[in-house]
């Protein structure tokens, strides 16, 4: 076998390489001198990366070159169904992302959420079983609330609401505890997990280092926008009654999301610290202040 083929066999593929965490994984692999494969549904081009167009929803159409490490930041449910197609002799490690939601949303009042969590839990087990059958080492990472200023789908949409209205409604005062985690730190953890023998066959919760009330978390979003903290506590009953009216302000939200502001969602990072050197950054987000300044100067209505 020639050297070029050997190099190909030792490469990594990042499924979801155009996404938030996946993009950071690709970036850090490049910094390490690697030339990764990156897969997404839309064709892309970037120097130093071999981009592959593929869709986990169509596993029979996937045609990937040989690789040694698979990182997947895409939907774990889709990965579970497609993984048998991706198992081959050169594959040695799988690092897949799931969510701490499998632990916090099992009793959600929203039927669609319960079904999704059940499917995600089954997908985790299916990924582990498929890897075991194919003699592939696996690690599954469960992040808490993911953010990356201006890019994420958790805090950035809330920052836009704040910019638009100048305040943020919080259900019941939002005393529930959170541990927000930056997307880049998750990428660093994934690469560390792929080279850690201690991480083989394990699930890891990946919380941020700061344990904050939901209220304080939102307060730091205000701080990061250089705006005064303006938060309005909404009683849970009023939230439920008024959610139908407020829903246009919260695209993709459901009534349970507001109620969960009162629920603690915290996790132990000790296993990840021990096995993969987990050491995420503190939560001090910084947002573009242009729009925020405009809101601050706008006359009160």
C-alpha atoms as a PDB file:
ATOM      1  CA  UNK A   1       0.000   0.000   0.000  1.00  0.00           C
ATOM      2  CA  UNK A   2       1.489   3.392  -0.926  1.00  0.00           C
ATOM      3  CA  UNK A   3       1.856   6.344   1.450  1.00  0.00           C
ATOM      4  CA  UNK A   4      -1.003   8.319  -0.047  1.00  0.00           C
ATOM      5  CA  UNK A   5      -3.446   5.502   0.590  1.00  0.00           C
ATOM      6  CA  UNK A   6      -2.114   5.136   4.124  1.00  0.00           C
ATOM      7  CA  UNK A   7      -2.672   8.859   4.771  1.00  0.00           C
ATOM      8  CA  UNK A   8      -6.217   8.555   3.438  1.00  0.00           C
ATOM      9  CA  UNK A   9      -6.963   5.676   5.802  1.00  0.00           C
ATOM     10  CA  UNK A  10      -5.903   7.762   8.819  1.00  0.00           C
ATOM     11  CA  UNK A  11      -8.064  10.767   8.046  1.00  0.00           C
ATOM     12  CA  UNK A  12     -11.155  12.056   9.805  1.00  0.00           C
ATOM     13  CA  UNK A  13     -14.627  12.828   8.521  1.00  0.00           C
ATOM     14  CA  UNK A  14     -16.840  15.441  10.150  1.00  0.00           C
ATOM     15  CA  UNK A  15     -20.543  14.879   9.509  1.00  0.00           C
ATOM     16  CA  UNK A  16     -22.215  18.224  10.025  1.00  0.00           C
ATOM     17  CA  UNK A  17     -19.037  20.044   9.080  1.00  0.00           C
ATOM     18  CA  UNK A  18     -20.945  23.155   8.049  1.00  0.00           C
ATOM     19  CA  UNK A  19     -22.767  23.358  11.383  1.00  0.00           C
ATOM     20  CA  UNK A  20     -21.892  25.214  14.560  1.00  0.00           C
ATOM     21  CA  UNK A  21     -19.855  22.612  16.461  1.00  0.00           C
ATOM     22  CA  UNK A  22     -18.844  20.711  13.338  1.00  0.00           C
ATOM     23  CA  UNK A  23     -17.363  23.840  11.814  1.00  0.00           C
ATOM     24  CA  UNK A  24     -15.164  24.309  14.859  1.00  0.00           C
ATOM     25  CA  UNK A  25     -14.056  20.659  14.706  1.00  0.00           C
ATOM     26  CA  UNK A  26     -12.995  21.129  11.081  1.00  0.00           C
ATOM     27  CA  UNK A  27     -11.172  24.336  11.996  1.00  0.00           C
ATOM     28  CA  UNK A  28      -9.245  22.695  14.834  1.00  0.00           C
ATOM     29  CA  UNK A  29      -8.343  19.653  12.741  1.00  0.00           C
ATOM     30  CA  UNK A  30      -6.898  22.032  10.153  1.00  0.00           C
ATOM     31  CA  UNK A  31      -4.870  23.761  12.866  1.00  0.00           C
ATOM     32  CA  UNK A  32      -3.435  20.370  13.819  1.00  0.00           C
ATOM     33  CA  UNK A  33      -2.182  19.938  10.269  1.00  0.00           C
ATOM     34  CA  UNK A  34      -4.857  17.458   9.233  1.00  0.00           C
ATOM     35  CA  UNK A  35      -6.834  17.521   6.002  1.00  0.00           C
ATOM     36  CA  UNK A  36     -10.288  16.345   7.055  1.00  0.00           C
ATOM     37  CA  UNK A  37     -13.258  15.248   5.043  1.00  0.00           C
ATOM     38  CA  UNK A  38     -16.354  17.282   5.840  1.00  0.00           C
ATOM     39  CA  UNK A  39     -19.863  16.172   4.929  1.00  0.00           C
ATOM     40  CA  UNK A  40     -22.988  18.284   4.622  1.00  0.00           C
ATOM     41  CA  UNK A  41     -26.138  18.314   2.540  1.00  0.00           C
ATOM     42  CA  UNK A  42     -24.964  21.288   0.483  1.00  0.00           C
ATOM     43  CA  UNK A  43     -21.695  21.284  -1.454  1.00  0.00           C
ATOM     44  CA  UNK A  44     -19.084  23.674  -0.058  1.00  0.00           C
ATOM     45  CA  UNK A  45     -15.517  24.590  -0.833  1.00  0.00           C
ATOM     46  CA  UNK A  46     -12.739  25.564   1.557  1.00  0.00           C
ATOM     47  CA  UNK A  47      -9.004  25.306   1.278  1.00  0.00           C
ATOM     48  CA  UNK A  48      -7.488  22.324   3.045  1.00  0.00           C
ATOM     49  CA  UNK A  49     -10.778  20.409   3.309  1.00  0.00           C
ATOM     50  CA  UNK A  50     -12.223  17.715   1.081  1.00  0.00           C
ATOM     51  CA  UNK A  51     -15.935  18.465   1.120  1.00  0.00           C
ATOM     52  CA  UNK A  52     -18.431  15.667   0.555  1.00  0.00           C
ATOM     53  CA  UNK A  53     -22.059  16.182  -0.267  1.00  0.00           C
ATOM     54  CA  UNK A  54     -24.225  13.706   1.632  1.00  0.00           C
ATOM     55  CA  UNK A  55     -27.425  13.359   3.601  1.00  0.00           C
ATOM     56  CA  UNK A  56     -27.849  11.041   6.600  1.00  0.00           C
ATOM     57  CA  UNK A  57     -31.522  10.792   5.727  1.00  0.00           C
ATOM     58  CA  UNK A  58     -30.437   8.970   2.559  1.00  0.00           C
ATOM     59  CA  UNK A  59     -27.875   6.490   3.887  1.00  0.00           C
ATOM     60  CA  UNK A  60     -28.018   4.259   0.812  1.00  0.00           C
ATOM     61  CA  UNK A  61     -26.654   7.135  -1.259  1.00  0.00           C
ATOM     62  CA  UNK A  62     -23.641   7.799   0.977  1.00  0.00           C
ATOM     63  CA  UNK A  63     -20.310   7.115  -0.699  1.00  0.00           C
ATOM     64  CA  UNK A  64     -17.442   8.206   1.528  1.00  0.00           C
ATOM     65  CA  UNK A  65     -13.760   7.422   1.030  1.00  0.00           C
ATOM     66  CA  UNK A  66     -11.974   5.421   3.765  1.00  0.00           C
ATOM     67  CA  UNK A  67     -11.379   7.260   7.051  1.00  0.00           C
ATOM     68  CA  UNK A  68     -10.296   6.345  10.570  1.00  0.00           C
ATOM     69  CA  UNK A  69     -12.289   8.743  12.771  1.00  0.00           C
ATOM     70  CA  UNK A  70     -15.898   9.828  12.430  1.00  0.00           C
ATOM     71  CA  UNK A  71     -17.147  12.946  14.188  1.00  0.00           C
ATOM     72  CA  UNK A  72     -20.897  13.541  13.987  1.00  0.00           C
ATOM     73  CA  UNK A  73     -22.496  16.744  15.188  1.00  0.00           C
ATOM     74  CA  UNK A  74     -25.633  16.130  13.137  1.00  0.00           C
ATOM     75  CA  UNK A  75     -28.805  14.555  14.509  1.00  0.00           C
ATOM     76  CA  UNK A  76     -27.829  11.412  16.433  1.00  0.00           C
ATOM     77  CA  UNK A  77     -31.120   9.797  15.424  1.00  0.00           C
ATOM     78  CA  UNK A  78     -30.147  10.094  11.768  1.00  0.00           C
ATOM     79  CA  UNK A  79     -26.632   8.875  12.503  1.00  0.00           C
ATOM     80  CA  UNK A  80     -27.972   5.770  14.248  1.00  0.00           C
ATOM     81  CA  UNK A  81     -29.871   4.787  11.105  1.00  0.00           C
ATOM     82  CA  UNK A  82     -26.992   5.572   8.731  1.00  0.00           C
ATOM     83  CA  UNK A  83     -24.073   4.238  10.783  1.00  0.00           C
ATOM     84  CA  UNK A  84     -24.212   0.640   9.471  1.00  0.00           C
ATOM     85  CA  UNK A  85     -23.556   2.104   6.024  1.00  0.00           C
ATOM     86  CA  UNK A  86     -20.488   3.961   7.348  1.00  0.00           C
ATOM     87  CA  UNK A  87     -18.815   1.087   9.198  1.00  0.00           C
ATOM     88  CA  UNK A  88     -15.762  -0.204   7.316  1.00  0.00           C
ATOM     89  CA  UNK A  89     -12.390  -1.795   8.199  1.00  0.00           C
ATOM     90  CA  UNK A  90     -10.443   1.481   8.415  1.00  0.00           C
ATOM     91  CA  UNK A  91     -12.903   3.088  10.888  1.00  0.00           C
ATOM     92  CA  UNK A  92     -11.464   3.061  14.412  1.00  0.00           C
ATOM     93  CA  UNK A  93     -13.298   5.781  16.382  1.00  0.00           C
ATOM     94  CA  UNK A  94     -16.759   7.351  16.422  1.00  0.00           C
ATOM     95  CA  UNK A  95     -17.443  10.503  18.434  1.00  0.00           C
ATOM     96  CA  UNK A  96     -21.106  11.449  18.273  1.00  0.00           C
ATOM     97  CA  UNK A  97     -23.034  14.319  19.815  1.00  0.00           C
ATOM     98  CA  UNK A  98     -26.311  13.801  21.605  1.00  0.00           C
ATOM     99  CA  UNK A  99     -27.775  16.100  24.285  1.00  0.00           C
ATOM    100  CA  UNK A 100     -28.312  16.342  28.025  1.00  0.00           C
ATOM    101  CA  UNK A 101     -31.977  16.662  27.060  1.00  0.00           C
ATOM    102  CA  UNK A 102     -32.145  12.867  27.255  1.00  0.00           C
ATOM    103  CA  UNK A 103     -31.817  13.364  31.004  1.00  0.00           C
ATOM    104  CA  UNK A 104     -33.784  16.597  31.538  1.00  0.00           C
ATOM    105  CA  UNK A 105     -36.787  16.326  29.215  1.00  0.00           C
ATOM    106  CA  UNK A 106     -37.995  12.781  29.812  1.00  0.00           C
ATOM    107  CA  UNK A 107     -41.002  14.095  31.735  1.00  0.00           C
ATOM    108  CA  UNK A 108     -41.799  17.047  29.463  1.00  0.00           C
ATOM    109  CA  UNK A 109     -45.479  17.872  29.131  1.00  0.00           C
ATOM    110  CA  UNK A 110     -45.141  18.263  25.343  1.00  0.00           C
ATOM    111  CA  UNK A 111     -45.864  14.948  23.631  1.00  0.00           C
ATOM    112  CA  UNK A 112     -43.687  15.739  20.608  1.00  0.00           C
ATOM    113  CA  UNK A 113     -40.741  16.441  22.883  1.00  0.00           C
ATOM    114  CA  UNK A 114     -41.263  13.192  24.794  1.00  0.00           C
ATOM    115  CA  UNK A 115     -41.277  11.254  21.539  1.00  0.00           C
ATOM    116  CA  UNK A 116     -38.118  13.005  20.365  1.00  0.00           C
ATOM    117  CA  UNK A 117     -36.310  12.245  23.630  1.00  0.00           C
ATOM    118  CA  UNK A 118     -37.339   8.588  23.453  1.00  0.00           C
ATOM    119  CA  UNK A 119     -36.032   8.407  19.885  1.00  0.00           C
ATOM    120  CA  UNK A 120     -32.781  10.114  20.872  1.00  0.00           C
ATOM    121  CA  UNK A 121     -32.259   7.723  23.782  1.00  0.00           C
ATOM    122  CA  UNK A 122     -32.791   4.744  21.488  1.00  0.00           C
ATOM    123  CA  UNK A 123     -30.423   6.286  18.936  1.00  0.00           C
ATOM    124  CA  UNK A 124     -27.633   6.542  21.515  1.00  0.00           C
ATOM    125  CA  UNK A 125     -27.988   2.866  22.331  1.00  0.00           C
ATOM    126  CA  UNK A 126     -28.157   1.957  18.650  1.00  0.00           C
ATOM    127  CA  UNK A 127     -24.951   3.860  17.894  1.00  0.00           C
ATOM    128  CA  UNK A 128     -23.176   2.071  20.736  1.00  0.00           C
ATOM    129  CA  UNK A 129     -24.466  -1.328  19.605  1.00  0.00           C
ATOM    130  CA  UNK A 130     -23.548  -0.776  15.945  1.00  0.00           C
ATOM    131  CA  UNK A 131     -20.040   0.302  16.887  1.00  0.00           C
ATOM    132  CA  UNK A 132     -19.603  -2.673  19.204  1.00  0.00           C
ATOM    133  CA  UNK A 133     -20.736  -5.041  16.466  1.00  0.00           C
ATOM    134  CA  UNK A 134     -18.256  -3.460  14.042  1.00  0.00           C
ATOM    135  CA  UNK A 135     -15.433  -3.430  16.619  1.00  0.00           C
ATOM    136  CA  UNK A 136     -15.292   0.363  16.520  1.00  0.00           C
ATOM    137  CA  UNK A 137     -14.504   2.415  19.653  1.00  0.00           C
ATOM    138  CA  UNK A 138     -17.209   4.974  20.428  1.00  0.00           C
ATOM    139  CA  UNK A 139     -17.834   7.989  22.646  1.00  0.00           C
ATOM    140  CA  UNK A 140     -21.087   9.936  22.972  1.00  0.00           C
ATOM    141  CA  UNK A 141     -21.004  13.553  24.143  1.00  0.00           C
ATOM    142  CA  UNK A 142     -24.000  15.277  25.720  1.00  0.00           C
ATOM    143  CA  UNK A 143     -23.624  19.065  25.806  1.00  0.00           C
ATOM    144  CA  UNK A 144     -25.743  21.387  27.895  1.00  0.00           C
ATOM    145  CA  UNK A 145     -27.031  24.675  26.425  1.00  0.00           C
ATOM    146  CA  UNK A 146     -24.773  25.481  23.445  1.00  0.00           C
ATOM    147  CA  UNK A 147     -23.926  29.044  22.467  1.00  0.00           C
ATOM    148  CA  UNK A 148     -21.656  30.901  20.062  1.00  0.00           C
ATOM    149  CA  UNK A 149     -22.395  34.590  19.863  1.00  0.00           C
ATOM    150  CA  UNK A 150     -24.385  35.504  16.770  1.00  0.00           C
ATOM    151  CA  UNK A 151     -24.544  31.919  15.490  1.00  0.00           C
ATOM    152  CA  UNK A 152     -26.316  29.599  17.906  1.00  0.00           C
ATOM    153  CA  UNK A 153     -30.028  28.794  18.087  1.00  0.00           C
ATOM    154  CA  UNK A 154     -30.298  29.078  21.876  1.00  0.00           C
ATOM    155  CA  UNK A 155     -29.090  32.451  23.148  1.00  0.00           C
ATOM    156  CA  UNK A 156     -28.619  34.404  19.920  1.00  0.00           C
ATOM    157  CA  UNK A 157     -32.388  34.420  19.098  1.00  0.00           C
ATOM    158  CA  UNK A 158     -33.034  35.695  22.642  1.00  0.00           C
ATOM    159  CA  UNK A 159     -30.447  38.429  22.130  1.00  0.00           C
ATOM    160  CA  UNK A 160     -32.332  39.502  19.016  1.00  0.00           C
ATOM    161  CA  UNK A 161     -35.549  39.720  20.988  1.00  0.00           C
ATOM    162  CA  UNK A 162     -33.760  41.849  23.548  1.00  0.00           C
ATOM    163  CA  UNK A 163     -32.425  44.114  20.822  1.00  0.00           C
ATOM    164  CA  UNK A 164     -35.899  44.504  19.385  1.00  0.00           C
ATOM    165  CA  UNK A 165     -37.872  45.077  22.583  1.00  0.00           C
ATOM    166  CA  UNK A 166     -35.282  46.070  25.170  1.00  0.00           C
ATOM    167  CA  UNK A 167     -36.448  43.558  27.774  1.00  0.00           C
ATOM    168  CA  UNK A 168     -36.839  39.818  28.361  1.00  0.00           C
ATOM    169  CA  UNK A 169     -39.805  38.025  29.977  1.00  0.00           C
ATOM    170  CA  UNK A 170     -38.831  35.313  32.450  1.00  0.00           C
ATOM    171  CA  UNK A 171     -41.278  32.723  33.737  1.00  0.00           C
ATOM    172  CA  UNK A 172     -41.522  32.620  37.538  1.00  0.00           C
ATOM    173  CA  UNK A 173     -38.394  34.707  37.889  1.00  0.00           C
ATOM    174  CA  UNK A 174     -36.376  32.004  36.072  1.00  0.00           C
ATOM    175  CA  UNK A 175     -34.539  30.496  39.069  1.00  0.00           C
ATOM    176  CA  UNK A 176     -33.630  27.255  37.251  1.00  0.00           C
ATOM    177  CA  UNK A 177     -29.902  26.569  37.059  1.00  0.00           C
ATOM    178  CA  UNK A 178     -28.020  26.389  33.753  1.00  0.00           C
ATOM    179  CA  UNK A 179     -24.452  25.677  32.589  1.00  0.00           C
ATOM    180  CA  UNK A 180     -24.071  27.220  29.103  1.00  0.00           C
ATOM    181  CA  UNK A 181     -21.195  25.896  27.023  1.00  0.00           C
ATOM    182  CA  UNK A 182     -19.408  27.396  24.025  1.00  0.00           C
ATOM    183  CA  UNK A 183     -19.523  25.468  20.748  1.00  0.00           C
ATOM    184  CA  UNK A 184     -15.762  25.734  20.192  1.00  0.00           C
ATOM    185  CA  UNK A 185     -15.046  24.102  23.561  1.00  0.00           C
ATOM    186  CA  UNK A 186     -17.239  21.185  22.482  1.00  0.00           C
ATOM    187  CA  UNK A 187     -15.192  20.801  19.318  1.00  0.00           C
ATOM    188  CA  UNK A 188     -11.982  20.698  21.342  1.00  0.00           C
ATOM    189  CA  UNK A 189     -13.552  18.056  23.601  1.00  0.00           C
ATOM    190  CA  UNK A 190     -14.589  15.920  20.625  1.00  0.00           C
ATOM    191  CA  UNK A 191     -11.054  15.839  19.252  1.00  0.00           C
ATOM    192  CA  UNK A 192      -9.694  15.003  22.701  1.00  0.00           C
ATOM    193  CA  UNK A 193     -12.249  12.192  23.092  1.00  0.00           C
ATOM    194  CA  UNK A 194     -11.201  10.680  19.761  1.00  0.00           C
ATOM    195  CA  UNK A 195      -7.663  10.144  21.055  1.00  0.00           C
ATOM    196  CA  UNK A 196      -8.487   9.120  24.627  1.00  0.00           C
ATOM    197  CA  UNK A 197      -8.532   5.424  25.447  1.00  0.00           C
ATOM    198  CA  UNK A 198     -10.259   6.288  28.736  1.00  0.00           C
ATOM    199  CA  UNK A 199     -13.206   7.723  26.773  1.00  0.00           C
ATOM    200  CA  UNK A 200     -13.945   4.539  24.824  1.00  0.00           C
ATOM    201  CA  UNK A 201     -17.462   3.225  25.360  1.00  0.00           C
ATOM    202  CA  UNK A 202     -18.604   6.116  27.550  1.00  0.00           C
ATOM    203  CA  UNK A 203     -21.205   8.872  27.685  1.00  0.00           C
ATOM    204  CA  UNK A 204     -20.121  12.307  28.901  1.00  0.00           C
ATOM    205  CA  UNK A 205     -22.148  15.303  30.003  1.00  0.00           C
ATOM    206  CA  UNK A 206     -20.357  18.473  28.898  1.00  0.00           C
ATOM    207  CA  UNK A 207     -21.568  21.441  30.961  1.00  0.00           C
ATOM    208  CA  UNK A 208     -20.041  24.886  31.038  1.00  0.00           C
ATOM    209  CA  UNK A 209     -18.005  25.841  34.122  1.00  0.00           C
ATOM    210  CA  UNK A 210     -20.478  28.445  35.439  1.00  0.00           C
ATOM    211  CA  UNK A 211     -23.668  27.315  37.174  1.00  0.00           C
ATOM    212  CA  UNK A 212     -26.099  30.213  36.848  1.00  0.00           C
ATOM    213  CA  UNK A 213     -29.772  30.819  37.316  1.00  0.00           C
ATOM    214  CA  UNK A 214     -31.566  31.238  34.010  1.00  0.00           C
ATOM    215  CA  UNK A 215     -32.144  34.835  35.094  1.00  0.00           C
ATOM    216  CA  UNK A 216     -28.425  35.472  35.591  1.00  0.00           C
ATOM    217  CA  UNK A 217     -27.636  33.762  32.299  1.00  0.00           C
ATOM    218  CA  UNK A 218     -29.956  36.174  30.488  1.00  0.00           C
ATOM    219  CA  UNK A 219     -28.525  39.012  32.548  1.00  0.00           C
ATOM    220  CA  UNK A 220     -25.093  38.230  31.147  1.00  0.00           C
ATOM    221  CA  UNK A 221     -26.568  38.327  27.642  1.00  0.00           C
ATOM    222  CA  UNK A 222     -27.709  41.895  28.420  1.00  0.00           C
ATOM    223  CA  UNK A 223     -24.210  42.648  29.730  1.00  0.00           C
ATOM    224  CA  UNK A 224     -22.649  41.251  26.577  1.00  0.00           C
ATOM    225  CA  UNK A 225     -24.829  43.589  24.525  1.00  0.00           C
ATOM    226  CA  UNK A 226     -23.912  46.583  26.717  1.00  0.00           C
ATOM    227  CA  UNK A 227     -27.550  47.047  27.679  1.00  0.00           C
ATOM    228  CA  UNK A 228     -29.081  47.556  31.111  1.00  0.00           C
ATOM    229  CA  UNK A 229     -30.667  44.397  32.479  1.00  0.00           C
ATOM    230  CA  UNK A 230     -34.413  44.643  31.937  1.00  0.00           C
ATOM    231  CA  UNK A 231     -36.151  41.410  32.816  1.00  0.00           C
ATOM    232  CA  UNK A 232     -39.846  41.005  33.611  1.00  0.00           C
ATOM    233  CA  UNK A 233     -41.009  38.094  35.762  1.00  0.00           C
ATOM    234  CA  UNK A 234     -44.148  36.429  34.374  1.00  0.00           C
ATOM    235  CA  UNK A 235     -46.210  34.107  36.643  1.00  0.00           C
ATOM    236  CA  UNK A 236     -46.379  30.546  35.231  1.00  0.00           C
ATOM    237  CA  UNK A 237     -50.183  30.633  34.940  1.00  0.00           C
ATOM    238  CA  UNK A 238     -50.042  33.907  33.037  1.00  0.00           C
ATOM    239  CA  UNK A 239     -47.327  32.468  30.783  1.00  0.00           C
ATOM    240  CA  UNK A 240     -49.500  29.504  29.932  1.00  0.00           C
ATOM    241  CA  UNK A 241     -52.520  31.683  29.284  1.00  0.00           C
ATOM    242  CA  UNK A 242     -50.652  34.207  27.187  1.00  0.00           C
ATOM    243  CA  UNK A 243     -48.327  31.909  25.283  1.00  0.00           C
ATOM    244  CA  UNK A 244     -50.612  31.685  22.255  1.00  0.00           C
ATOM    245  CA  UNK A 245     -50.381  35.470  21.931  1.00  0.00           C
ATOM    246  CA  UNK A 246     -46.643  35.596  22.644  1.00  0.00           C
ATOM    247  CA  UNK A 247     -45.651  32.648  20.432  1.00  0.00           C
ATOM    248  CA  UNK A 248     -44.932  34.813  17.333  1.00  0.00           C
ATOM    249  CA  UNK A 249     -42.114  36.379  19.374  1.00  0.00           C
ATOM    250  CA  UNK A 250     -40.611  32.946  20.069  1.00  0.00           C
ATOM    251  CA  UNK A 251     -40.416  31.053  16.756  1.00  0.00           C
ATOM    252  CA  UNK A 252     -40.101  27.324  17.302  1.00  0.00           C
ATOM    253  CA  UNK A 253     -40.861  27.625  21.019  1.00  0.00           C
ATOM    254  CA  UNK A 254     -43.455  25.785  23.050  1.00  0.00           C
ATOM    255  CA  UNK A 255     -45.060  26.502  26.405  1.00  0.00           C
ATOM    256  CA  UNK A 256     -42.779  24.007  28.203  1.00  0.00           C
ATOM    257  CA  UNK A 257     -39.677  25.973  27.249  1.00  0.00           C
ATOM    258  CA  UNK A 258     -40.796  28.860  29.416  1.00  0.00           C
ATOM    259  CA  UNK A 259     -41.804  26.603  32.302  1.00  0.00           C
ATOM    260  CA  UNK A 260     -38.355  25.007  32.215  1.00  0.00           C
ATOM    261  CA  UNK A 261     -36.832  28.375  33.159  1.00  0.00           C
ATOM    262  CA  UNK A 262     -37.773  27.357  36.712  1.00  0.00           C
ATOM    263  CA  UNK A 263     -36.162  23.904  36.518  1.00  0.00           C
ATOM    264  CA  UNK A 264     -32.554  23.099  37.393  1.00  0.00           C
ATOM    265  CA  UNK A 265     -30.553  21.495  34.583  1.00  0.00           C
ATOM    266  CA  UNK A 266     -27.053  20.876  35.913  1.00  0.00           C
ATOM    267  CA  UNK A 267     -24.521  18.118  35.357  1.00  0.00           C
ATOM    268  CA  UNK A 268     -21.258  16.812  36.761  1.00  0.00           C
ATOM    269  CA  UNK A 269     -18.250  17.516  34.565  1.00  0.00           C
ATOM    270  CA  UNK A 270     -15.787  15.462  36.649  1.00  0.00           C
ATOM    271  CA  UNK A 271     -15.699  12.384  34.347  1.00  0.00           C
ATOM    272  CA  UNK A 272     -15.041  14.555  31.300  1.00  0.00           C
ATOM    273  CA  UNK A 273     -12.372  16.534  33.143  1.00  0.00           C
ATOM    274  CA  UNK A 274     -10.643  13.295  34.130  1.00  0.00           C
ATOM    275  CA  UNK A 275     -10.823  11.447  30.807  1.00  0.00           C
ATOM    276  CA  UNK A 276     -10.647  14.138  28.109  1.00  0.00           C
ATOM    277  CA  UNK A 277      -9.283  17.198  29.901  1.00  0.00           C
ATOM    278  CA  UNK A 278     -12.581  19.076  29.751  1.00  0.00           C
ATOM    279  CA  UNK A 279     -11.873  22.745  30.563  1.00  0.00           C
ATOM    280  CA  UNK A 280     -14.420  25.074  28.922  1.00  0.00           C
ATOM    281  CA  UNK A 281     -14.359  28.868  29.043  1.00  0.00           C
ATOM    282  CA  UNK A 282     -16.421  30.916  31.543  1.00  0.00           C
ATOM    283  CA  UNK A 283     -19.754  32.275  30.364  1.00  0.00           C
ATOM    284  CA  UNK A 284     -19.169  35.905  29.446  1.00  0.00           C
ATOM    285  CA  UNK A 285     -20.720  36.251  25.977  1.00  0.00           C
ATOM    286  CA  UNK A 286     -20.025  39.289  23.821  1.00  0.00           C
ATOM    287  CA  UNK A 287     -22.558  40.279  21.190  1.00  0.00           C
ATOM    288  CA  UNK A 288     -22.402  42.821  18.383  1.00  0.00           C
ATOM    289  CA  UNK A 289     -23.477  46.080  20.015  1.00  0.00           C
ATOM    290  CA  UNK A 290     -24.570  47.995  16.905  1.00  0.00           C
ATOM    291  CA  UNK A 291     -28.194  46.917  17.069  1.00  0.00           C
ATOM    292  CA  UNK A 292     -28.084  46.981  20.851  1.00  0.00           C
ATOM    293  CA  UNK A 293     -27.022  50.637  20.838  1.00  0.00           C
ATOM    294  CA  UNK A 294     -29.887  51.475  18.519  1.00  0.00           C
ATOM    295  CA  UNK A 295     -32.330  49.845  20.926  1.00  0.00           C
ATOM    296  CA  UNK A 296     -30.817  51.674  23.867  1.00  0.00           C
ATOM    297  CA  UNK A 297     -31.242  55.032  22.125  1.00  0.00           C
ATOM    298  CA  UNK A 298     -34.750  54.371  20.907  1.00  0.00           C
ATOM    299  CA  UNK A 299     -37.484  56.360  22.706  1.00  0.00           C
ATOM    300  CA  UNK A 300     -39.566  54.368  25.162  1.00  0.00           C
ATOM    301  CA  UNK A 301     -42.981  53.447  23.783  1.00  0.00           C
END
